[in-house]
C-alpha atoms as a PDB file:
ATOM      1  CA  UNK A   1       6.879  16.404   3.958  1.00  0.00           C
ATOM      2  CA  UNK A   2       5.273  13.228   5.310  1.00  0.00           C
ATOM      3  CA  UNK A   3       5.104  13.219   9.110  1.00  0.00           C
ATOM      4  CA  UNK A   4       4.892   9.873  10.911  1.00  0.00           C
ATOM      5  CA  UNK A   5       4.457   9.270  14.642  1.00  0.00           C
ATOM      6  CA  UNK A   6       4.962   5.738  15.954  1.00  0.00           C
ATOM      7  CA  UNK A   7       3.188   4.917  19.209  1.00  0.00           C
ATOM      8  CA  UNK A   8       3.541   2.262  21.894  1.00  0.00           C
ATOM      9  CA  UNK A   9       2.763   2.075  25.596  1.00  0.00           C
ATOM     10  CA  UNK A  10       5.969   3.468  27.113  1.00  0.00           C
ATOM     11  CA  UNK A  11       8.052   4.779  24.172  1.00  0.00           C
ATOM     12  CA  UNK A  12      11.129   2.832  25.234  1.00  0.00           C
ATOM     13  CA  UNK A  13      10.880  -0.408  23.189  1.00  0.00           C
ATOM     14  CA  UNK A  14       8.650  -0.757  20.131  1.00  0.00           C
ATOM     15  CA  UNK A  15       7.882   2.796  19.012  1.00  0.00           C
ATOM     16  CA  UNK A  16      11.490   4.038  19.191  1.00  0.00           C
ATOM     17  CA  UNK A  17      12.557   0.851  17.395  1.00  0.00           C
ATOM     18  CA  UNK A  18      10.021   1.632  14.656  1.00  0.00           C
ATOM     19  CA  UNK A  19      11.187   5.264  14.571  1.00  0.00           C
ATOM     20  CA  UNK A  20      14.828   4.289  14.042  1.00  0.00           C
ATOM     21  CA  UNK A  21      14.070   1.473  11.599  1.00  0.00           C
ATOM     22  CA  UNK A  22      11.898   3.792   9.494  1.00  0.00           C
ATOM     23  CA  UNK A  23      14.469   6.604   9.584  1.00  0.00           C
ATOM     24  CA  UNK A  24      17.133   4.131   8.499  1.00  0.00           C
ATOM     25  CA  UNK A  25      15.235   2.591   5.587  1.00  0.00           C
ATOM     26  CA  UNK A  26      14.036   6.009   4.433  1.00  0.00           C
ATOM     27  CA  UNK A  27      17.636   7.259   4.411  1.00  0.00           C
ATOM     28  CA  UNK A  28      18.923   4.092   2.714  1.00  0.00           C
ATOM     29  CA  UNK A  29      16.411   4.679  -0.085  1.00  0.00           C
ATOM     30  CA  UNK A  30      17.321   8.359  -0.456  1.00  0.00           C
ATOM     31  CA  UNK A  31      14.041   9.761   0.852  1.00  0.00           C
ATOM     32  CA  UNK A  32      15.127  11.318   4.149  1.00  0.00           C
ATOM     33  CA  UNK A  33      14.264  14.847   2.958  1.00  0.00           C
ATOM     34  CA  UNK A  34      10.645  13.811   2.432  1.00  0.00           C
ATOM     35  CA  UNK A  35       9.963  12.550   5.962  1.00  0.00           C
ATOM     36  CA  UNK A  36       9.742  13.636   9.562  1.00  0.00           C
ATOM     37  CA  UNK A  37       9.619  10.570  11.833  1.00  0.00           C
ATOM     38  CA  UNK A  38       9.179  10.444  15.612  1.00  0.00           C
ATOM     39  CA  UNK A  39       7.693   8.269  18.351  1.00  0.00           C
ATOM     40  CA  UNK A  40       5.768   8.684  21.590  1.00  0.00           C
ATOM     41  CA  UNK A  41       3.969   6.844  24.391  1.00  0.00           C
ATOM     42  CA  UNK A  42       0.332   6.581  25.338  1.00  0.00           C
ATOM     43  CA  UNK A  43       1.226   6.273  29.032  1.00  0.00           C
ATOM     44  CA  UNK A  44       3.268   8.410  31.401  1.00  0.00           C
ATOM     45  CA  UNK A  45       5.085   5.454  33.004  1.00  0.00           C
ATOM     46  CA  UNK A  46       8.413   5.810  31.195  1.00  0.00           C
ATOM     47  CA  UNK A  47       8.436   9.542  30.367  1.00  0.00           C
ATOM     48  CA  UNK A  48      11.997  10.846  30.588  1.00  0.00           C
ATOM     49  CA  UNK A  49      13.539   7.366  30.523  1.00  0.00           C
ATOM     50  CA  UNK A  50      16.021   6.312  27.858  1.00  0.00           C
ATOM     51  CA  UNK A  51      15.392   3.659  25.222  1.00  0.00           C
ATOM     52  CA  UNK A  52      15.330   0.136  26.667  1.00  0.00           C
ATOM     53  CA  UNK A  53      18.738  -1.549  26.520  1.00  0.00           C
ATOM     54  CA  UNK A  54      17.203  -4.456  24.545  1.00  0.00           C
ATOM     55  CA  UNK A  55      16.081  -2.073  21.811  1.00  0.00           C
ATOM     56  CA  UNK A  56      19.467  -0.314  21.749  1.00  0.00           C
ATOM     57  CA  UNK A  57      21.241  -3.692  21.614  1.00  0.00           C
ATOM     58  CA  UNK A  58      19.071  -4.953  18.744  1.00  0.00           C
ATOM     59  CA  UNK A  59      19.536  -1.732  16.772  1.00  0.00           C
ATOM     60  CA  UNK A  60      23.304  -1.981  17.250  1.00  0.00           C
ATOM     61  CA  UNK A  61      23.235  -5.650  16.099  1.00  0.00           C
ATOM     62  CA  UNK A  62      21.536  -4.740  12.813  1.00  0.00           C
ATOM     63  CA  UNK A  63      23.604  -1.589  12.252  1.00  0.00           C
ATOM     64  CA  UNK A  64      20.847   0.955  12.790  1.00  0.00           C
ATOM     65  CA  UNK A  65      22.011   4.030  14.717  1.00  0.00           C
ATOM     66  CA  UNK A  66      20.081   5.453  17.656  1.00  0.00           C
ATOM     67  CA  UNK A  67      20.585   8.606  19.674  1.00  0.00           C
ATOM     68  CA  UNK A  68      20.204   9.572  23.306  1.00  0.00           C
ATOM     69  CA  UNK A  69      16.473  10.291  23.187  1.00  0.00           C
ATOM     70  CA  UNK A  70      14.068   9.879  26.085  1.00  0.00           C
ATOM     71  CA  UNK A  71      10.458   8.761  26.187  1.00  0.00           C
ATOM     72  CA  UNK A  72       7.796  11.383  25.508  1.00  0.00           C
ATOM     73  CA  UNK A  73       4.025  11.203  25.739  1.00  0.00           C
ATOM     74  CA  UNK A  74       1.676  11.653  22.827  1.00  0.00           C
ATOM     75  CA  UNK A  75      -0.457  14.801  22.976  1.00  0.00           C
ATOM     76  CA  UNK A  76      -3.835  15.602  21.477  1.00  0.00           C
ATOM     77  CA  UNK A  77      -2.122  18.262  19.317  1.00  0.00           C
ATOM     78  CA  UNK A  78      -0.057  15.522  17.610  1.00  0.00           C
ATOM     79  CA  UNK A  79      -3.151  14.656  15.593  1.00  0.00           C
ATOM     80  CA  UNK A  80      -2.855  17.943  13.705  1.00  0.00           C
ATOM     81  CA  UNK A  81       0.943  17.737  13.440  1.00  0.00           C
ATOM     82  CA  UNK A  82       1.282  14.235  11.939  1.00  0.00           C
ATOM     83  CA  UNK A  83      -0.046  12.617   8.765  1.00  0.00           C
ATOM     84  CA  UNK A  84       0.248   9.078  10.128  1.00  0.00           C
ATOM     85  CA  UNK A  85      -0.123   7.971  13.750  1.00  0.00           C
ATOM     86  CA  UNK A  86       0.837   4.335  13.925  1.00  0.00           C
ATOM     87  CA  UNK A  87       0.336   2.073  16.926  1.00  0.00           C
ATOM     88  CA  UNK A  88       2.026  -1.224  17.624  1.00  0.00           C
ATOM     89  CA  UNK A  89      -0.990  -3.095  19.042  1.00  0.00           C
ATOM     90  CA  UNK A  90      -4.736  -2.850  19.555  1.00  0.00           C
ATOM     91  CA  UNK A  91      -4.407  -1.446  23.076  1.00  0.00           C
ATOM     92  CA  UNK A  92      -2.166   1.331  21.701  1.00  0.00           C
ATOM     93  CA  UNK A  93      -4.816   2.028  19.062  1.00  0.00           C
ATOM     94  CA  UNK A  94      -7.514   2.319  21.705  1.00  0.00           C
ATOM     95  CA  UNK A  95      -5.323   4.598  23.842  1.00  0.00           C
ATOM     96  CA  UNK A  96      -4.416   6.788  20.855  1.00  0.00           C
ATOM     97  CA  UNK A  97      -8.128   7.379  20.279  1.00  0.00           C
ATOM     98  CA  UNK A  98      -8.571   8.142  23.994  1.00  0.00           C
ATOM     99  CA  UNK A  99      -5.909  10.854  23.663  1.00  0.00           C
ATOM    100  CA  UNK A 100      -7.007  12.398  20.353  1.00  0.00           C
ATOM    101  CA  UNK A 101     -10.732  11.790  20.407  1.00  0.00           C
ATOM    102  CA  UNK A 102     -12.086  10.870  16.982  1.00  0.00           C
ATOM    103  CA  UNK A 103      -9.886   9.904  14.034  1.00  0.00           C
ATOM    104  CA  UNK A 104     -11.811  12.121  11.617  1.00  0.00           C
ATOM    105  CA  UNK A 105      -9.046  12.140   8.995  1.00  0.00           C
ATOM    106  CA  UNK A 106      -8.170   8.437   9.059  1.00  0.00           C
ATOM    107  CA  UNK A 107      -4.621   9.023  10.313  1.00  0.00           C
ATOM    108  CA  UNK A 108      -4.524   6.266  12.946  1.00  0.00           C
ATOM    109  CA  UNK A 109      -3.527   2.704  12.066  1.00  0.00           C
ATOM    110  CA  UNK A 110      -1.542  -0.276  13.280  1.00  0.00           C
ATOM    111  CA  UNK A 111       1.906  -0.867  11.786  1.00  0.00           C
ATOM    112  CA  UNK A 112       1.366  -4.399  10.518  1.00  0.00           C
ATOM    113  CA  UNK A 113      -1.792  -3.331   8.657  1.00  0.00           C
ATOM    114  CA  UNK A 114       0.546  -1.887   6.012  1.00  0.00           C
ATOM    115  CA  UNK A 115       1.938  -5.410   5.529  1.00  0.00           C
ATOM    116  CA  UNK A 116      -1.560  -6.864   5.199  1.00  0.00           C
ATOM    117  CA  UNK A 117      -1.630  -8.371   8.677  1.00  0.00           C
ATOM    118  CA  UNK A 118      -3.937  -7.886  11.624  1.00  0.00           C
ATOM    119  CA  UNK A 119      -1.319  -9.145  14.118  1.00  0.00           C
ATOM    120  CA  UNK A 120      -0.126  -7.014  17.006  1.00  0.00           C
ATOM    121  CA  UNK A 121       3.565  -6.390  17.487  1.00  0.00           C
ATOM    122  CA  UNK A 122       4.360  -8.099  20.777  1.00  0.00           C
ATOM    123  CA  UNK A 123       5.874  -5.944  23.508  1.00  0.00           C
ATOM    124  CA  UNK A 124       9.434  -7.154  24.208  1.00  0.00           C
ATOM    125  CA  UNK A 125       9.227  -5.557  27.643  1.00  0.00           C
ATOM    126  CA  UNK A 126       7.083  -8.588  28.499  1.00  0.00           C
ATOM    127  CA  UNK A 127       8.263 -11.203  25.979  1.00  0.00           C
ATOM    128  CA  UNK A 128      11.996 -10.432  26.066  1.00  0.00           C
ATOM    129  CA  UNK A 129      12.044 -11.245  22.338  1.00  0.00           C
ATOM    130  CA  UNK A 130      13.548  -8.155  20.718  1.00  0.00           C
ATOM    131  CA  UNK A 131      14.458 -10.208  17.625  1.00  0.00           C
ATOM    132  CA  UNK A 132      10.805 -10.990  16.798  1.00  0.00           C
ATOM    133  CA  UNK A 133       9.771  -7.420  17.575  1.00  0.00           C
ATOM    134  CA  UNK A 134      12.457  -6.158  15.188  1.00  0.00           C
ATOM    135  CA  UNK A 135      11.350  -8.554  12.415  1.00  0.00           C
ATOM    136  CA  UNK A 136       7.718  -7.458  12.759  1.00  0.00           C
ATOM    137  CA  UNK A 137       8.638  -3.773  12.849  1.00  0.00           C
ATOM    138  CA  UNK A 138      10.922  -4.111   9.825  1.00  0.00           C
ATOM    139  CA  UNK A 139       8.143  -5.877   7.903  1.00  0.00           C
ATOM    140  CA  UNK A 140       5.669  -3.121   8.765  1.00  0.00           C
ATOM    141  CA  UNK A 141       8.052  -0.250   8.042  1.00  0.00           C
ATOM    142  CA  UNK A 142       9.127  -1.662   4.684  1.00  0.00           C
ATOM    143  CA  UNK A 143       5.491  -2.121   3.663  1.00  0.00           C
ATOM    144  CA  UNK A 144       4.638   1.402   4.876  1.00  0.00           C
ATOM    145  CA  UNK A 145       7.497   2.940   2.885  1.00  0.00           C
ATOM    146  CA  UNK A 146       6.517   0.985  -0.224  1.00  0.00           C
ATOM    147  CA  UNK A 147       2.921   2.206   0.082  1.00  0.00           C
ATOM    148  CA  UNK A 148       3.976   5.821   0.659  1.00  0.00           C
ATOM    149  CA  UNK A 149       6.382   5.813  -2.285  1.00  0.00           C
ATOM    150  CA  UNK A 150       3.673   4.342  -4.502  1.00  0.00           C
ATOM    151  CA  UNK A 151       1.265   7.083  -3.384  1.00  0.00           C
ATOM    152  CA  UNK A 152       3.857   9.826  -3.982  1.00  0.00           C
ATOM    153  CA  UNK A 153       4.617   8.575  -7.508  1.00  0.00           C
ATOM    154  CA  UNK A 154       0.929   8.525  -8.383  1.00  0.00           C
ATOM    155  CA  UNK A 155       0.334  12.155  -7.369  1.00  0.00           C
END
């Protein structure tokens, strides 16, 4: 089973959006039994809070179901638990490394790297643009799934 943990600052906007988008496209492609997908925060600011209404609204608009989850914080032990730890921006990346220490196994990356881009995914908490965040996350998740399926077929 491939275990993926999406990370953002508060775990109420971008990382849960990525979690639900990835779960949806994995299921749509018939691979849900091969994946465990979750999300977490690098900060403690939103721990226990529900997904931002803008994220829930955007997911509803595009027909992707969400549940009643609350924000959780990433732990050092997540490094051993997950195969991929994927941040939304460079500050997330830096904070992931602060939490885990060294990335000795090369598990940490940024989502848009899978789509061949070095762009950050903008935080809609600040921009208010959940549409652009969704488009960027969808691009990254589709590229990630394509890469993972290619790797699985070549094993």
